[in-house]
Amino acid sequence: MSATPLNQKLLAGGALPGIYGGVETPSRFSEVASEFRALTTTCAVYDLGWRAKIIVTGKDRQRWLNGMVTNNIKDLQLNHGNYSFLLNPQGRIQGDLYVFNRGDYLLIDTDQSQLEPLTKALQRYIIMDDVHLTDAGDKIAAIGVAGTTSGEVLQRAGIDTSGLERMQLIDPVWNNIGISIVRTGNDDLPTWELWAAVENIDKLWDALVHAGTTPVGTEALERLRILTGAPKYGTDIRDRDLPQETEQKHALNFTKGCYIGQEIVERIRSRGNVHRSFTGFTFTGNAPSPGAKLQADGK
């Protein structure tokens, strides 16, 4: 099992180990409830090394990737990104990913657990196209920051995020280190991703902790993910699911033209209904185990 670039440093500092997104990364640093409070009410910092980065180069990259995924890639503004599904010809979801237009290349961001199957699926469709996929996991590492005071804390650390739109990134120089900042959250719950070279990610982590962030692990992140209703591929989204069943409308574009599985997606849209939908439930007492059948009045 591989580990994130920060994992060894964080475990040495007392974090508890865990597995998330296909790699080893801290599950928690202290009490999960207090870490969750930091995520939602003050400011928290967390390891995002379980996210994978794929660089897409070649003169056909935008046209080609636009024909692979469900969202509009060819019209992405410079240094902006969006969320997409990769489907099979039957319209079933094979994975999810974020795509950013970096000018000379496209950058795909996904879970490490999806890196190999997504890469294989995409490479299968590179035929006569000038397109090259490169795993950038040994070059780029990432940290997440979230919470209602996160903008102020980032400012104290010397990182200016003012004016950033959602899914926009900038590339400032911080303490003589080149970093990238992506705004991923909204005004109700500001969240940010900070990308840096693997050899510099520990300096960025230390500066954020010194500025007043609370380190949190994946157990608290999972609580936040469930609270905000963000489905995770492999847990909530399966390879049998159709895009409209997930309620992730921001992953779909209906004017971009053809892509793999598009006929099925368009057919569902024209008929206006699906057989099942992703939704949340509130339980009293202990939550059921994953995969348990839920019944109401015997149904």
Protein backbone atom coordinates (compact mmCIF):
# COMPACT_ATOMS: atom_id res chain seq x y z
CA MET A 1 0.00 0.00 0.00
CA SER A 2 1.43 3.37 -1.02
CA ALA A 3 1.36 6.40 1.27
CA THR A 4 0.91 10.12 0.77
CA PRO A 5 4.05 12.33 0.67
CA LEU A 6 3.08 13.80 4.06
CA ASN A 7 2.06 10.56 5.75
CA GLN A 8 5.36 9.68 7.44
CA LYS A 9 5.81 13.20 8.81
CA LEU A 10 2.26 13.32 10.19
CA LEU A 11 2.42 9.87 11.77
CA ALA A 12 5.69 10.82 13.44
CA GLY A 13 3.84 13.78 14.94
CA GLY A 14 1.27 11.49 16.56
CA ALA A 15 -1.46 11.07 13.93
CA LEU A 16 -3.24 7.72 13.69
CA PRO A 17 -2.76 5.85 10.39
CA GLY A 18 -5.60 4.99 8.05
CA ILE A 19 -6.44 4.16 4.44
CA TYR A 20 -8.38 6.58 2.25
CA GLY A 21 -8.71 6.91 -1.51
CA GLY A 22 -6.43 3.92 -1.99
CA VAL A 23 -3.40 5.17 0.00
CA GLU A 24 -2.22 5.47 3.60
CA THR A 25 -2.96 8.84 5.18
CA PRO A 26 -3.85 9.96 8.75
CA SER A 27 -7.35 8.98 9.89
CA ARG A 28 -7.30 11.41 12.83
CA PHE A 29 -5.03 13.54 14.97
CA SER A 30 -7.24 13.92 18.06
CA GLU A 31 -10.93 13.53 18.84
CA VAL A 32 -12.95 13.26 15.62
CA ALA A 33 -15.74 15.50 16.93
CA SER A 34 -13.32 18.36 17.63
CA GLU A 35 -11.70 17.93 14.21
CA PHE A 36 -15.14 18.08 12.59
CA ARG A 37 -15.91 21.31 14.49
CA ALA A 38 -12.70 22.84 13.13
CA LEU A 39 -13.75 21.92 9.59
CA THR A 40 -17.12 23.59 9.95
CA THR A 41 -16.65 26.46 12.41
CA THR A 42 -13.00 27.62 12.42
CA CYS A 43 -10.19 26.42 10.14
CA ALA A 44 -8.77 22.96 9.47
CA VAL A 45 -5.91 21.62 7.36
CA TYR A 46 -5.74 18.09 5.94
CA ASP A 47 -3.62 15.85 3.76
CA LEU A 48 -4.85 15.55 0.16
CA GLY A 49 -2.07 13.25 -0.98
CA TRP A 50 -4.72 10.60 -1.67
CA ARG A 51 -5.69 12.60 -4.73
CA ALA A 52 -3.94 11.71 -8.00
CA LYS A 53 -2.86 14.10 -10.76
CA ILE A 54 -2.67 13.18 -14.46
CA ILE A 55 -1.16 15.62 -16.97
CA VAL A 56 -2.67 15.51 -20.47
CA THR A 57 -0.54 16.94 -23.29
CA GLY A 58 -0.60 16.89 -27.10
CA LYS A 59 -2.30 19.17 -29.64
CA ASP A 60 -5.50 17.08 -29.68
CA ARG A 61 -5.91 17.03 -25.88
CA GLN A 62 -8.97 19.29 -25.55
CA ARG A 63 -10.95 17.82 -28.45
CA TRP A 64 -10.07 14.28 -27.37
CA LEU A 65 -10.90 14.66 -23.65
CA ASN A 66 -14.07 16.56 -24.50
CA GLY A 67 -15.19 13.42 -26.34
CA MET A 68 -14.40 11.23 -23.32
CA VAL A 69 -16.19 12.86 -20.39
CA THR A 70 -19.61 14.29 -19.56
CA ASN A 71 -18.71 17.95 -19.03
CA ASN A 72 -17.49 20.67 -21.41
CA ILE A 73 -13.69 20.61 -21.63
CA LYS A 74 -13.09 22.41 -24.92
CA ASP A 75 -14.55 25.69 -23.60
CA LEU A 76 -12.89 25.65 -20.17
CA GLN A 77 -11.35 29.02 -19.40
CA LEU A 78 -7.64 29.19 -18.64
CA ASN A 79 -6.93 28.12 -15.03
CA HIS A 80 -10.52 27.01 -14.44
CA GLY A 81 -11.84 23.51 -13.84
CA ASN A 82 -15.01 21.44 -13.72
CA TYR A 83 -16.29 18.08 -12.54
CA SER A 84 -17.04 15.17 -14.92
CA PHE A 85 -17.92 11.51 -15.18
CA LEU A 86 -16.28 8.97 -17.45
CA LEU A 87 -18.93 6.60 -18.81
CA ASN A 88 -18.96 3.36 -20.75
CA PRO A 89 -21.02 3.11 -23.99
CA GLN A 90 -24.02 1.96 -21.94
CA GLY A 91 -23.90 5.21 -19.93
CA ARG A 92 -22.68 3.60 -16.69
CA ILE A 93 -20.23 5.60 -14.58
CA GLN A 94 -16.66 4.27 -14.73
CA GLY A 95 -15.13 7.01 -12.59
CA ASP A 96 -15.26 10.70 -11.68
CA LEU A 97 -12.66 13.41 -12.09
CA TYR A 98 -11.93 17.12 -12.10
CA VAL A 99 -10.31 18.66 -15.18
CA PHE A 100 -8.39 21.96 -15.16
CA ASN A 101 -7.26 23.94 -18.20
CA ARG A 102 -3.61 24.81 -17.53
CA GLY A 103 -2.89 26.36 -20.91
CA ASP A 104 -0.17 24.09 -22.31
CA TYR A 105 -1.80 21.03 -20.76
CA LEU A 106 -4.91 19.72 -19.04
CA LEU A 107 -4.71 18.44 -15.48
CA ILE A 108 -6.96 15.60 -14.29
CA ASP A 109 -7.56 15.26 -10.54
CA THR A 110 -9.08 12.06 -9.12
CA ASP A 111 -8.72 9.58 -6.25
CA GLN A 112 -5.55 7.47 -6.18
CA SER A 113 -7.82 4.40 -6.14
CA GLN A 114 -9.16 5.44 -9.54
CA LEU A 115 -5.81 6.33 -11.10
CA GLU A 116 -5.03 2.99 -12.74
CA PRO A 117 -8.53 2.08 -14.03
CA LEU A 118 -9.21 5.60 -15.30
CA THR A 119 -5.84 5.81 -17.05
CA LYS A 120 -6.40 2.45 -18.74
CA ALA A 121 -9.92 3.40 -19.80
CA LEU A 122 -8.76 6.71 -21.27
CA GLN A 123 -5.72 5.25 -23.02
CA ARG A 124 -7.93 2.71 -24.76
CA TYR A 125 -9.46 5.57 -26.75
CA ILE A 126 -6.20 7.23 -27.83
CA ILE A 127 -6.00 5.93 -31.40
CA MET A 128 -4.74 8.44 -33.98
CA ASP A 129 -4.82 11.38 -31.56
CA ASP A 130 -1.82 13.41 -30.46
CA VAL A 131 -2.51 12.90 -26.74
CA HIS A 132 -0.19 11.81 -23.93
CA LEU A 133 -1.11 10.95 -20.32
CA THR A 134 1.48 11.31 -17.54
CA ASP A 135 1.06 10.37 -13.89
CA ALA A 136 2.26 13.42 -11.91
CA GLY A 137 1.94 11.82 -8.49
CA ASP A 138 5.68 11.92 -7.85
CA LYS A 139 5.78 15.64 -8.67
CA ILE A 140 2.63 17.28 -7.25
CA ALA A 141 1.26 16.95 -3.71
CA ALA A 142 -1.79 18.66 -2.21
CA ILE A 143 -3.17 20.01 1.06
CA GLY A 144 -6.77 21.01 1.83
CA VAL A 145 -7.94 23.91 4.00
CA ALA A 146 -11.57 24.37 5.12
CA GLY A 147 -13.63 26.34 7.58
CA THR A 148 -15.41 29.64 8.09
CA THR A 149 -12.18 31.47 9.01
CA SER A 150 -9.98 29.76 6.41
CA GLY A 151 -9.53 32.88 4.28
CA GLU A 152 -8.22 34.84 7.27
CA VAL A 153 -5.87 32.03 8.33
CA LEU A 154 -4.48 31.65 4.82
CA GLN A 155 -3.87 35.40 4.77
CA ARG A 156 -1.89 35.10 8.03
CA ALA A 157 0.23 32.42 6.38
CA GLY A 158 1.01 34.84 3.53
CA ILE A 159 -1.35 33.21 1.03
CA ASP A 160 -3.75 35.62 -0.71
CA THR A 161 -6.96 34.02 -1.99
CA SER A 162 -8.98 37.19 -2.57
CA GLY A 163 -11.03 37.34 -5.75
CA LEU A 164 -10.82 33.64 -6.55
CA GLU A 165 -13.95 32.14 -8.09
CA ARG A 166 -15.06 28.58 -7.40
CA MET A 167 -12.99 26.07 -9.43
CA GLN A 168 -10.48 28.76 -10.39
CA LEU A 169 -6.78 28.50 -9.58
CA ILE A 170 -3.83 30.84 -9.38
CA ASP A 171 -0.08 30.20 -9.25
CA PRO A 172 1.60 32.55 -6.76
CA VAL A 173 5.13 32.38 -5.40
CA TRP A 174 5.04 31.85 -1.64
CA ASN A 175 8.25 32.07 0.43
CA ASN A 176 10.25 31.54 -2.78
CA ILE A 177 8.20 28.39 -3.53
CA GLY A 178 5.82 28.11 -6.47
CA ILE A 179 2.37 26.88 -5.39
CA SER A 180 -1.11 26.63 -6.88
CA ILE A 181 -4.31 27.60 -5.05
CA VAL A 182 -7.73 26.26 -6.05
CA ARG A 183 -10.99 27.48 -4.57
CA THR A 184 -13.26 24.44 -4.23
CA GLY A 185 -15.94 25.53 -1.74
CA ASN A 186 -18.61 28.22 -1.55
CA ASP A 187 -19.25 31.20 0.74
CA ASP A 188 -21.16 29.05 3.26
CA LEU A 189 -18.21 26.68 3.73
CA PRO A 190 -14.98 28.00 2.16
CA THR A 191 -12.57 25.24 1.11
CA TRP A 192 -9.29 25.45 -0.73
CA GLU A 193 -6.70 23.14 -2.22
CA LEU A 194 -3.01 24.05 -2.18
CA TRP A 195 -0.73 22.23 -4.62
CA ALA A 196 3.05 22.23 -4.41
CA ALA A 197 6.04 20.18 -5.47
CA VAL A 198 6.36 17.03 -3.34
CA GLU A 199 9.61 18.25 -1.81
CA ASN A 200 7.95 21.49 -0.61
CA ILE A 201 4.63 20.23 0.72
CA ASP A 202 5.90 19.79 4.30
CA LYS A 203 6.94 23.48 4.46
CA LEU A 204 3.45 24.49 3.38
CA TRP A 205 1.85 22.22 6.00
CA ASP A 206 4.04 23.61 8.81
CA ALA A 207 3.24 27.20 7.84
CA LEU A 208 -0.51 26.55 7.85
CA VAL A 209 -0.41 24.85 11.25
CA HIS A 210 1.69 27.74 12.61
CA ALA A 211 -0.90 30.20 11.23
CA GLY A 212 -3.65 28.58 13.30
CA THR A 213 -5.19 25.72 11.36
CA THR A 214 -6.23 22.51 13.13
CA PRO A 215 -4.89 19.28 11.55
CA VAL A 216 -7.71 16.84 10.80
CA GLY A 217 -7.84 13.32 9.38
CA THR A 218 -10.05 11.43 6.99
CA GLU A 219 -12.61 10.38 9.62
CA ALA A 220 -13.65 14.01 10.08
CA LEU A 221 -13.44 14.60 6.32
CA GLU A 222 -15.85 11.71 5.76
CA ARG A 223 -18.33 13.30 8.17
CA LEU A 224 -18.10 16.57 6.29
CA ARG A 225 -18.48 14.81 2.94
CA ILE A 226 -21.66 13.09 4.10
CA LEU A 227 -23.03 16.28 5.67
CA THR A 228 -22.60 18.18 2.40
CA GLY A 229 -24.02 15.33 0.30
CA ALA A 230 -20.93 14.87 -1.88
CA PRO A 231 -20.96 11.28 -3.23
CA LYS A 232 -17.71 9.32 -3.41
CA TYR A 233 -17.01 7.00 -6.33
CA GLY A 234 -16.71 3.41 -5.13
CA THR A 235 -18.79 4.13 -2.03
CA ASP A 236 -21.92 6.03 -3.11
CA ILE A 237 -21.43 5.93 -6.88
CA ARG A 238 -20.92 2.51 -8.46
CA ASP A 239 -20.12 1.33 -11.97
CA ARG A 240 -23.77 0.29 -12.43
CA ASP A 241 -25.08 3.83 -11.85
CA LEU A 242 -26.24 6.29 -14.51
CA PRO A 243 -25.24 9.97 -14.24
CA GLN A 244 -28.71 11.39 -13.53
CA GLU A 245 -29.19 8.88 -10.71
CA THR A 246 -26.40 10.58 -8.75
CA GLU A 247 -28.07 14.05 -8.71
CA GLN A 248 -24.69 15.56 -9.69
CA LYS A 249 -26.07 17.86 -12.37
CA HIS A 250 -22.92 19.98 -12.39
CA ALA A 251 -21.09 17.01 -13.98
CA LEU A 252 -23.23 17.11 -17.12
CA ASN A 253 -23.28 19.39 -20.16
CA PHE A 254 -26.04 18.91 -22.72
CA THR A 255 -24.75 21.25 -25.46
CA LYS A 256 -21.12 20.13 -25.87
CA GLY A 257 -21.66 17.44 -28.49
CA CYS A 258 -20.88 13.74 -28.55
CA TYR A 259 -19.00 11.76 -25.90
CA ILE A 260 -18.92 8.16 -24.74
CA GLY A 261 -22.31 7.23 -23.26
CA GLN A 262 -23.93 10.51 -24.37
CA GLU A 263 -26.84 8.82 -26.14
CA ILE A 264 -28.00 7.20 -22.89
CA VAL A 265 -27.64 10.44 -20.91
CA GLU A 266 -29.65 12.34 -23.51
CA ARG A 267 -32.33 9.65 -23.60
CA ILE A 268 -32.77 9.91 -19.81
CA ARG A 269 -33.00 13.69 -20.07
CA SER A 270 -35.65 13.56 -22.80
CA ARG A 271 -37.77 11.08 -20.83
CA GLY A 272 -37.36 13.11 -17.66
CA ASN A 273 -37.11 10.37 -15.06
CA VAL A 274 -34.80 7.81 -13.47
CA HIS A 275 -35.58 4.66 -11.49
CA ARG A 276 -33.53 5.67 -8.44
CA SER A 277 -31.79 8.78 -7.10
CA PHE A 278 -28.91 9.48 -4.74
CA THR A 279 -30.22 10.95 -1.49
CA GLY A 280 -29.36 11.35 2.17
CA PHE A 281 -31.00 9.80 5.23
CA THR A 282 -31.03 10.86 8.88
CA PHE A 283 -30.91 8.06 11.46
CA THR A 284 -31.55 7.96 15.17
CA GLY A 285 -29.15 5.72 17.05
CA ASN A 286 -26.32 3.94 15.28
CA ALA A 287 -26.03 4.23 11.52
CA PRO A 288 -26.47 0.99 9.55
CA SER A 289 -23.44 -0.71 8.06
CA PRO A 290 -22.64 -0.07 4.37
CA GLY A 291 -24.74 -2.26 2.10
CA ALA A 292 -27.49 -2.85 4.66
CA LYS A 293 -31.05 -2.92 3.28
CA LEU A 294 -33.20 -0.09 4.60
CA GLN A 295 -36.96 -0.47 5.09
CA ALA A 296 -39.82 1.87 5.92
CA ASP A 297 -43.16 0.30 6.82
CA GLY A 298 -41.93 -3.03 5.49
CA LYS A 299 -40.84 -1.64 2.11
